[in-house]
Amino acid sequence: MRHDETAAKLADLYTQQFGGKASGRYRIPEKLLRELMGRRRLYPEDRIAISRALFELGYVLIDMDSFFVVMSVNSFVNYRRVSKEAL
């Protein structure tokens, strides 16, 4: 599966009901992501390409080493901003 197809599937999963929730952020093990792509390994280039394609769809892919988290970009909009004075 190509990177853009993988990103589309990951974005689609965000809207599906599973794990006791109607929709929203989720985590996916690296092994399952490799299976989704039909790959034995994920290389840094693959991670970057999937992340970029997913970002274009409005989602963020967070690499947590053994698994990935998918969140909506909108989740970050209301985070507080650091000011120069705070530094």
PDB file of N, CA and C in Angstrom:
ATOM      1  N   MET A   1       0.848  -1.173   0.000  1.00  0.00           N
ATOM      2  CA  MET A   1       0.000   0.000   0.000  1.00  0.00           C
ATOM      3  C   MET A   1       0.893   1.235   0.000  1.00  0.00           C
ATOM      4  N   ARG A   2       0.532   2.220  -0.789  1.00  0.00           N
ATOM      5  CA  ARG A   2       1.302   3.456  -0.869  1.00  0.00           C
ATOM      6  C   ARG A   2       1.097   4.306   0.372  1.00  0.00           C
ATOM      7  N   HIS A   3       1.991   5.273   0.561  1.00  0.00           N
ATOM      8  CA  HIS A   3       1.934   6.134   1.744  1.00  0.00           C
ATOM      9  C   HIS A   3       0.631   6.917   1.818  1.00  0.00           C
ATOM     10  N   ASP A   4       0.171   7.458   0.686  1.00  0.00           N
ATOM     11  CA  ASP A   4      -1.065   8.240   0.703  1.00  0.00           C
ATOM     12  C   ASP A   4      -2.281   7.360   0.969  1.00  0.00           C
ATOM     13  N   GLU A   5      -2.260   6.131   0.491  1.00  0.00           N
ATOM     14  CA  GLU A   5      -3.345   5.191   0.766  1.00  0.00           C
ATOM     15  C   GLU A   5      -3.354   4.795   2.240  1.00  0.00           C
ATOM     16  N   THR A   6      -2.172   4.606   2.795  1.00  0.00           N
ATOM     17  CA  THR A   6      -2.048   4.277   4.212  1.00  0.00           C
ATOM     18  C   THR A   6      -2.568   5.428   5.057  1.00  0.00           C
ATOM     19  N   ALA A   7      -2.198   6.648   4.700  1.00  0.00           N
ATOM     20  CA  ALA A   7      -2.661   7.827   5.434  1.00  0.00           C
ATOM     21  C   ALA A   7      -4.184   7.946   5.367  1.00  0.00           C
ATOM     22  N   ALA A   8      -4.761   7.671   4.202  1.00  0.00           N
ATOM     23  CA  ALA A   8      -6.214   7.732   4.049  1.00  0.00           C
ATOM     24  C   ALA A   8      -6.902   6.699   4.949  1.00  0.00           C
ATOM     25  N   LYS A   9      -6.334   5.513   5.034  1.00  0.00           N
ATOM     26  CA  LYS A   9      -6.898   4.468   5.902  1.00  0.00           C
ATOM     27  C   LYS A   9      -6.788   4.878   7.364  1.00  0.00           C
ATOM     28  N   LEU A  10      -5.644   5.438   7.759  1.00  0.00           N
ATOM     29  CA  LEU A  10      -5.463   5.894   9.138  1.00  0.00           C
ATOM     30  C   LEU A  10      -6.439   7.025   9.470  1.00  0.00           C
ATOM     31  N   ALA A  11      -6.661   7.937   8.533  1.00  0.00           N
ATOM     32  CA  ALA A  11      -7.620   9.028   8.735  1.00  0.00           C
ATOM     33  C   ALA A  11      -9.034   8.476   8.861  1.00  0.00           C
ATOM     34  N   ASP A  12      -9.352   7.479   8.051  1.00  0.00           N
ATOM     35  CA  ASP A  12     -10.673   6.851   8.109  1.00  0.00           C
ATOM     36  C   ASP A  12     -10.898   6.173   9.460  1.00  0.00           C
ATOM     37  N   LEU A  13      -9.865   5.542   9.990  1.00  0.00           N
ATOM     38  CA  LEU A  13      -9.991   4.886  11.299  1.00  0.00           C
ATOM     39  C   LEU A  13     -10.335   5.890  12.398  1.00  0.00           C
ATOM     40  N   TYR A  14      -9.906   7.139  12.244  1.00  0.00           N
ATOM     41  CA  TYR A  14     -10.173   8.176  13.232  1.00  0.00           C
ATOM     42  C   TYR A  14     -11.674   8.385  13.414  1.00  0.00           C
ATOM     43  N   THR A  15     -12.434   8.177  12.359  1.00  0.00           N
ATOM     44  CA  THR A  15     -13.881   8.414  12.410  1.00  0.00           C
ATOM     45  C   THR A  15     -14.680   7.166  12.758  1.00  0.00           C
ATOM     46  N   GLN A  16     -14.025   6.023  12.846  1.00  0.00           N
ATOM     47  CA  GLN A  16     -14.728   4.767  13.109  1.00  0.00           C
ATOM     48  C   GLN A  16     -14.844   4.461  14.598  1.00  0.00           C
ATOM     49  N   GLN A  17     -15.866   3.712  14.932  1.00  0.00           N
ATOM     50  CA  GLN A  17     -16.085   3.293  16.307  1.00  0.00           C
ATOM     51  C   GLN A  17     -15.308   2.007  16.589  1.00  0.00           C
ATOM     52  N   PHE A  18     -14.479   2.037  17.623  1.00  0.00           N
ATOM     53  CA  PHE A  18     -13.787   0.844  18.119  1.00  0.00           C
ATOM     54  C   PHE A  18     -13.168   1.189  19.463  1.00  0.00           C
ATOM     55  N   GLY A  19     -12.790   0.183  20.213  1.00  0.00           N
ATOM     56  CA  GLY A  19     -12.153   0.399  21.512  1.00  0.00           C
ATOM     57  C   GLY A  19     -13.040   1.101  22.522  1.00  0.00           C
ATOM     58  N   GLY A  20     -14.360   0.974  22.363  1.00  0.00           N
ATOM     59  CA  GLY A  20     -15.280   1.588  23.308  1.00  0.00           C
ATOM     60  C   GLY A  20     -15.547   3.068  23.075  1.00  0.00           C
ATOM     61  N   LYS A  21     -15.027   3.629  21.992  1.00  0.00           N
ATOM     62  CA  LYS A  21     -15.240   5.049  21.685  1.00  0.00           C
ATOM     63  C   LYS A  21     -15.870   5.184  20.303  1.00  0.00           C
ATOM     64  N   ALA A  22     -16.675   6.214  20.144  1.00  0.00           N
ATOM     65  CA  ALA A  22     -17.355   6.440  18.860  1.00  0.00           C
ATOM     66  C   ALA A  22     -16.371   6.876  17.767  1.00  0.00           C
ATOM     67  N   SER A  23     -15.386   7.656  18.148  1.00  0.00           N
ATOM     68  CA  SER A  23     -14.360   8.131  17.204  1.00  0.00           C
ATOM     69  C   SER A  23     -13.272   8.838  18.001  1.00  0.00           C
ATOM     70  N   GLY A  24     -12.245   9.293  17.296  1.00  0.00           N
ATOM     71  CA  GLY A  24     -11.209  10.074  17.955  1.00  0.00           C
ATOM     72  C   GLY A  24      -9.838   9.446  17.899  1.00  0.00           C
ATOM     73  N   ARG A  25      -8.947  10.044  18.684  1.00  0.00           N
ATOM     74  CA  ARG A  25      -7.535   9.641  18.667  1.00  0.00           C
ATOM     75  C   ARG A  25      -7.395   8.164  19.012  1.00  0.00           C
ATOM     76  N   TYR A  26      -6.331   7.590  18.493  1.00  0.00           N
ATOM     77  CA  TYR A  26      -6.071   6.175  18.740  1.00  0.00           C
ATOM     78  C   TYR A  26      -4.591   5.889  18.566  1.00  0.00           C
ATOM     79  N   ARG A  27      -4.197   4.707  19.004  1.00  0.00           N
ATOM     80  CA  ARG A  27      -2.822   4.249  18.804  1.00  0.00           C
ATOM     81  C   ARG A  27      -2.845   2.978  17.987  1.00  0.00           C
ATOM     82  N   ILE A  28      -1.796   2.808  17.201  1.00  0.00           N
ATOM     83  CA  ILE A  28      -1.681   1.626  16.353  1.00  0.00           C
ATOM     84  C   ILE A  28      -0.260   1.080  16.496  1.00  0.00           C
ATOM     85  N   PRO A  29      -0.129  -0.212  16.778  1.00  0.00           N
ATOM     86  CA  PRO A  29       1.217  -0.783  16.911  1.00  0.00           C
ATOM     87  C   PRO A  29       1.972  -0.729  15.582  1.00  0.00           C
ATOM     88  N   GLU A  30       3.282  -0.596  15.665  1.00  0.00           N
ATOM     89  CA  GLU A  30       4.100  -0.564  14.456  1.00  0.00           C
ATOM     90  C   GLU A  30       3.884  -1.821  13.619  1.00  0.00           C
ATOM     91  N   LYS A  31       3.751  -2.960  14.278  1.00  0.00           N
ATOM     92  CA  LYS A  31       3.546  -4.221  13.566  1.00  0.00           C
ATOM     93  C   LYS A  31       2.283  -4.161  12.704  1.00  0.00           C
ATOM     94  N   LEU A  32       1.200  -3.619  13.248  1.00  0.00           N
ATOM     95  CA  LEU A  32      -0.052  -3.532  12.503  1.00  0.00           C
ATOM     96  C   LEU A  32       0.058  -2.525  11.354  1.00  0.00           C
ATOM     97  N   LEU A  33       0.804  -1.448  11.561  1.00  0.00           N
ATOM     98  CA  LEU A  33       1.025  -0.480  10.487  1.00  0.00           C
ATOM     99  C   LEU A  33       1.838  -1.104   9.358  1.00  0.00           C
ATOM    100  N   ARG A  34       2.842  -1.893   9.713  1.00  0.00           N
ATOM    101  CA  ARG A  34       3.626  -2.607   8.689  1.00  0.00           C
ATOM    102  C   ARG A  34       2.729  -3.555   7.902  1.00  0.00           C
ATOM    103  N   GLU A  35       1.858  -4.278   8.604  1.00  0.00           N
ATOM    104  CA  GLU A  35       0.932  -5.196   7.930  1.00  0.00           C
ATOM    105  C   GLU A  35      -0.001  -4.435   6.994  1.00  0.00           C
ATOM    106  N   LEU A  36      -0.495  -3.290   7.444  1.00  0.00           N
ATOM    107  CA  LEU A  36      -1.374  -2.461   6.620  1.00  0.00           C
ATOM    108  C   LEU A  36      -0.686  -2.051   5.322  1.00  0.00           C
ATOM    109  N   MET A  37       0.599  -1.746   5.413  1.00  0.00           N
ATOM    110  CA  MET A  37       1.362  -1.326   4.239  1.00  0.00           C
ATOM    111  C   MET A  37       1.887  -2.501   3.418  1.00  0.00           C
ATOM    112  N   GLY A  38       1.821  -3.700   3.982  1.00  0.00           N
ATOM    113  CA  GLY A  38       2.368  -4.854   3.275  1.00  0.00           C
ATOM    114  C   GLY A  38       3.887  -4.850   3.276  1.00  0.00           C
ATOM    115  N   ARG A  39       4.464  -4.378   4.377  1.00  0.00           N
ATOM    116  CA  ARG A  39       5.919  -4.260   4.497  1.00  0.00           C
ATOM    117  C   ARG A  39       6.448  -5.064   5.671  1.00  0.00           C
ATOM    118  N   ARG A  40       7.700  -5.494   5.553  1.00  0.00           N
ATOM    119  CA  ARG A  40       8.370  -6.175   6.668  1.00  0.00           C
ATOM    120  C   ARG A  40       9.020  -5.174   7.592  1.00  0.00           C
ATOM    121  N   ARG A  41       9.353  -3.999   7.046  1.00  0.00           N
ATOM    122  CA  ARG A  41      10.004  -2.948   7.839  1.00  0.00           C
ATOM    123  C   ARG A  41       9.449  -1.589   7.459  1.00  0.00           C
ATOM    124  N   LEU A  42       9.496  -0.674   8.419  1.00  0.00           N
ATOM    125  CA  LEU A  42       9.197   0.725   8.149  1.00  0.00           C
ATOM    126  C   LEU A  42      10.508   1.494   8.280  1.00  0.00           C
ATOM    127  N   TYR A  43      10.865   2.194   7.244  1.00  0.00           N
ATOM    128  CA  TYR A  43      12.078   2.983   7.248  1.00  0.00           C
ATOM    129  C   TYR A  43      11.747   4.431   7.609  1.00  0.00           C
ATOM    130  N   PRO A  44      12.747   5.192   8.017  1.00  0.00           N
ATOM    131  CA  PRO A  44      12.482   6.599   8.360  1.00  0.00           C
ATOM    132  C   PRO A  44      11.761   7.354   7.235  1.00  0.00           C
ATOM    133  N   GLU A  45      12.089   7.055   5.998  1.00  0.00           N
ATOM    134  CA  GLU A  45      11.425   7.706   4.861  1.00  0.00           C
ATOM    135  C   GLU A  45       9.933   7.378   4.826  1.00  0.00           C
ATOM    136  N   ASP A  46       9.591   6.126   5.187  1.00  0.00           N
ATOM    137  CA  ASP A  46       8.182   5.724   5.224  1.00  0.00           C
ATOM    138  C   ASP A  46       7.429   6.498   6.301  1.00  0.00           C
ATOM    139  N   ARG A  47       8.027   6.609   7.470  1.00  0.00           N
ATOM    140  CA  ARG A  47       7.403   7.322   8.587  1.00  0.00           C
ATOM    141  C   ARG A  47       7.153   8.779   8.224  1.00  0.00           C
ATOM    142  N   ILE A  48       8.130   9.391   7.584  1.00  0.00           N
ATOM    143  CA  ILE A  48       7.993  10.794   7.182  1.00  0.00           C
ATOM    144  C   ILE A  48       6.908  10.945   6.119  1.00  0.00           C
ATOM    145  N   ALA A  49       6.905  10.058   5.135  1.00  0.00           N
ATOM    146  CA  ALA A  49       5.921  10.145   4.044  1.00  0.00           C
ATOM    147  C   ALA A  49       4.498   9.934   4.557  1.00  0.00           C
ATOM    148  N   ILE A  50       4.302   8.974   5.449  1.00  0.00           N
ATOM    149  CA  ILE A  50       2.975   8.741   6.019  1.00  0.00           C
ATOM    150  C   ILE A  50       2.563   9.950   6.854  1.00  0.00           C
ATOM    151  N   SER A  51       3.474  10.456   7.653  1.00  0.00           N
ATOM    152  CA  SER A  51       3.195  11.613   8.505  1.00  0.00           C
ATOM    153  C   SER A  51       2.781  12.823   7.668  1.00  0.00           C
ATOM    154  N   ARG A  52       3.499  13.079   6.585  1.00  0.00           N
ATOM    155  CA  ARG A  52       3.181  14.224   5.715  1.00  0.00           C
ATOM    156  C   ARG A  52       1.824  14.047   5.045  1.00  0.00           C
ATOM    157  N   ALA A  53       1.571  12.846   4.529  1.00  0.00           N
ATOM    158  CA  ALA A  53       0.293  12.581   3.858  1.00  0.00           C
ATOM    159  C   ALA A  53      -0.865  12.697   4.846  1.00  0.00           C
ATOM    160  N   LEU A  54      -0.669  12.231   6.061  1.00  0.00           N
ATOM    161  CA  LEU A  54      -1.711  12.303   7.087  1.00  0.00           C
ATOM    162  C   LEU A  54      -1.944  13.756   7.500  1.00  0.00           C
ATOM    163  N   PHE A  55      -0.869  14.531   7.593  1.00  0.00           N
ATOM    164  CA  PHE A  55      -0.999  15.950   7.948  1.00  0.00           C
ATOM    165  C   PHE A  55      -1.817  16.699   6.903  1.00  0.00           C
ATOM    166  N   GLU A  56      -1.637  16.348   5.638  1.00  0.00           N
ATOM    167  CA  GLU A  56      -2.422  16.966   4.561  1.00  0.00           C
ATOM    168  C   GLU A  56      -3.913  16.689   4.717  1.00  0.00           C
ATOM    169  N   LEU A  57      -4.242  15.589   5.407  1.00  0.00           N
ATOM    170  CA  LEU A  57      -5.642  15.222   5.632  1.00  0.00           C
ATOM    171  C   LEU A  57      -6.176  15.782   6.951  1.00  0.00           C
ATOM    172  N   GLY A  58      -5.313  16.494   7.693  1.00  0.00           N
ATOM    173  CA  GLY A  58      -5.756  17.121   8.936  1.00  0.00           C
ATOM    174  C   GLY A  58      -5.471  16.325  10.193  1.00  0.00           C
ATOM    175  N   TYR A  59      -4.514  15.403  10.105  1.00  0.00           N
ATOM    176  CA  TYR A  59      -4.179  14.559  11.259  1.00  0.00           C
ATOM    177  C   TYR A  59      -2.673  14.573  11.502  1.00  0.00           C
ATOM    178  N   VAL A  60      -2.298  14.234  12.719  1.00  0.00           N
ATOM    179  CA  VAL A  60      -0.896  14.189  13.109  1.00  0.00           C
ATOM    180  C   VAL A  60      -0.548  12.758  13.482  1.00  0.00           C
ATOM    181  N   LEU A  61       0.596  12.292  12.996  1.00  0.00           N
ATOM    182  CA  LEU A  61       1.111  10.969  13.347  1.00  0.00           C
ATOM    183  C   LEU A  61       2.266  11.171  14.318  1.00  0.00           C
ATOM    184  N   ILE A  62       2.130  10.616  15.519  1.00  0.00           N
ATOM    185  CA  ILE A  62       3.158  10.760  16.547  1.00  0.00           C
ATOM    186  C   ILE A  62       3.830   9.408  16.740  1.00  0.00           C
ATOM    187  N   ASP A  63       5.130   9.370  16.504  1.00  0.00           N
ATOM    188  CA  ASP A  63       5.913   8.140  16.622  1.00  0.00           C
ATOM    189  C   ASP A  63       6.336   7.960  18.077  1.00  0.00           C
ATOM    190  N   MET A  64       5.860   6.895  18.702  1.00  0.00           N
ATOM    191  CA  MET A  64       6.166   6.611  20.103  1.00  0.00           C
ATOM    192  C   MET A  64       7.088   5.396  20.222  1.00  0.00           C
ATOM    193  N   ASP A  65       7.895   5.132  19.220  1.00  0.00           N
ATOM    194  CA  ASP A  65       8.857   4.031  19.113  1.00  0.00           C
ATOM    195  C   ASP A  65       8.199   2.691  18.810  1.00  0.00           C
ATOM    196  N   SER A  66       7.401   2.134  19.701  1.00  0.00           N
ATOM    197  CA  SER A  66       6.802   0.823  19.441  1.00  0.00           C
ATOM    198  C   SER A  66       5.371   0.922  18.910  1.00  0.00           C
ATOM    199  N   PHE A  67       4.794   2.121  18.944  1.00  0.00           N
ATOM    200  CA  PHE A  67       3.463   2.333  18.391  1.00  0.00           C
ATOM    201  C   PHE A  67       3.354   3.779  17.909  1.00  0.00           C
ATOM    202  N   PHE A  68       2.288   4.057  17.177  1.00  0.00           N
ATOM    203  CA  PHE A  68       2.032   5.398  16.662  1.00  0.00           C
ATOM    204  C   PHE A  68       0.692   5.887  17.205  1.00  0.00           C
ATOM    205  N   VAL A  69       0.579   7.186  17.403  1.00  0.00           N
ATOM    206  CA  VAL A  69      -0.674   7.810  17.822  1.00  0.00           C
ATOM    207  C   VAL A  69      -1.150   8.678  16.673  1.00  0.00           C
ATOM    208  N   VAL A  70      -2.449   8.608  16.394  1.00  0.00           N
ATOM    209  CA  VAL A  70      -3.065   9.456  15.377  1.00  0.00           C
ATOM    210  C   VAL A  70      -4.034  10.397  16.084  1.00  0.00           C
ATOM    211  N   MET A  71      -3.832  11.701  15.859  1.00  0.00           N
ATOM    212  CA  MET A  71      -4.684  12.728  16.463  1.00  0.00           C
ATOM    213  C   MET A  71      -5.067  13.759  15.409  1.00  0.00           C
ATOM    214  N   SER A  72      -6.180  14.413  15.627  1.00  0.00           N
ATOM    215  CA  SER A  72      -6.598  15.495  14.750  1.00  0.00           C
ATOM    216  C   SER A  72      -5.735  16.726  15.003  1.00  0.00           C
ATOM    217  N   VAL A  73      -5.424  17.439  13.942  1.00  0.00           N
ATOM    218  CA  VAL A  73      -4.677  18.688  14.072  1.00  0.00           C
ATOM    219  C   VAL A  73      -5.458  19.662  14.949  1.00  0.00           C
ATOM    220  N   ASN A  74      -6.779  19.602  14.889  1.00  0.00           N
ATOM    221  CA  ASN A  74      -7.619  20.496  15.689  1.00  0.00           C
ATOM    222  C   ASN A  74      -7.424  20.289  17.186  1.00  0.00           C
ATOM    223  N   SER A  75      -6.928  19.139  17.584  1.00  0.00           N
ATOM    224  CA  SER A  75      -6.674  18.871  18.997  1.00  0.00           C
ATOM    225  C   SER A  75      -5.647  19.831  19.574  1.00  0.00           C
ATOM    226  N   PHE A  76      -4.798  20.379  18.725  1.00  0.00           N
ATOM    227  CA  PHE A  76      -3.702  21.229  19.180  1.00  0.00           C
ATOM    228  C   PHE A  76      -4.033  22.719  19.142  1.00  0.00           C
ATOM    229  N   VAL A  77      -5.162  23.076  18.558  1.00  0.00           N
ATOM    230  CA  VAL A  77      -5.510  24.481  18.364  1.00  0.00           C
ATOM    231  C   VAL A  77      -5.658  25.220  19.692  1.00  0.00           C
ATOM    232  N   ASN A  78      -6.239  24.594  20.683  1.00  0.00           N
ATOM    233  CA  ASN A  78      -6.523  25.272  21.948  1.00  0.00           C
ATOM    234  C   ASN A  78      -5.408  25.156  22.978  1.00  0.00           C
ATOM    235  N   TYR A  79      -4.272  24.599  22.602  1.00  0.00           N
ATOM    236  CA  TYR A  79      -3.148  24.532  23.541  1.00  0.00           C
ATOM    237  C   TYR A  79      -2.661  25.944  23.843  1.00  0.00           C
ATOM    238  N   ARG A  80      -2.214  26.160  25.046  1.00  0.00           N
ATOM    239  CA  ARG A  80      -1.704  27.482  25.407  1.00  0.00           C
ATOM    240  C   ARG A  80      -0.366  27.742  24.720  1.00  0.00           C
ATOM    241  N   ARG A  81      -0.118  28.986  24.422  1.00  0.00           N
ATOM    242  CA  ARG A  81       1.091  29.394  23.701  1.00  0.00           C
ATOM    243  C   ARG A  81       2.129  29.908  24.681  1.00  0.00           C
ATOM    244  N   VAL A  82       3.361  29.639  24.381  1.00  0.00           N
ATOM    245  CA  VAL A  82       4.461  30.164  25.179  1.00  0.00           C
ATOM    246  C   VAL A  82       4.803  31.553  24.684  1.00  0.00           C
ATOM    247  N   SER A  83       4.903  32.484  25.584  1.00  0.00           N
ATOM    248  CA  SER A  83       5.287  33.846  25.224  1.00  0.00           C
ATOM    249  C   SER A  83       6.778  34.042  25.501  1.00  0.00           C
ATOM    250  N   LYS A  84       7.297  35.108  24.971  1.00  0.00           N
ATOM    251  CA  LYS A  84       8.706  35.429  25.197  1.00  0.00           C
ATOM    252  C   LYS A  84       8.961  35.663  26.682  1.00  0.00           C
ATOM    253  N   GLU A  85       8.006  36.266  27.339  1.00  0.00           N
ATOM    254  CA  GLU A  85       8.131  36.555  28.764  1.00  0.00           C
ATOM    255  C   GLU A  85       8.197  35.276  29.600  1.00  0.00           C
ATOM    256  N   ALA A  86       7.507  34.245  29.159  1.00  0.00           N
ATOM    257  CA  ALA A  86       7.502  32.982  29.901  1.00  0.00           C
ATOM    258  C   ALA A  86       8.848  32.282  29.820  1.00  0.00           C
ATOM    259  N   LEU A  87       9.593  32.533  28.752  1.00  0.00           N
ATOM    260  CA  LEU A  87      10.907  31.927  28.606  1.00  0.00           C
ATOM    261  C   LEU A  87      11.916  32.612  29.493  1.00  0.00           C
TER     262      LEU A  87
END
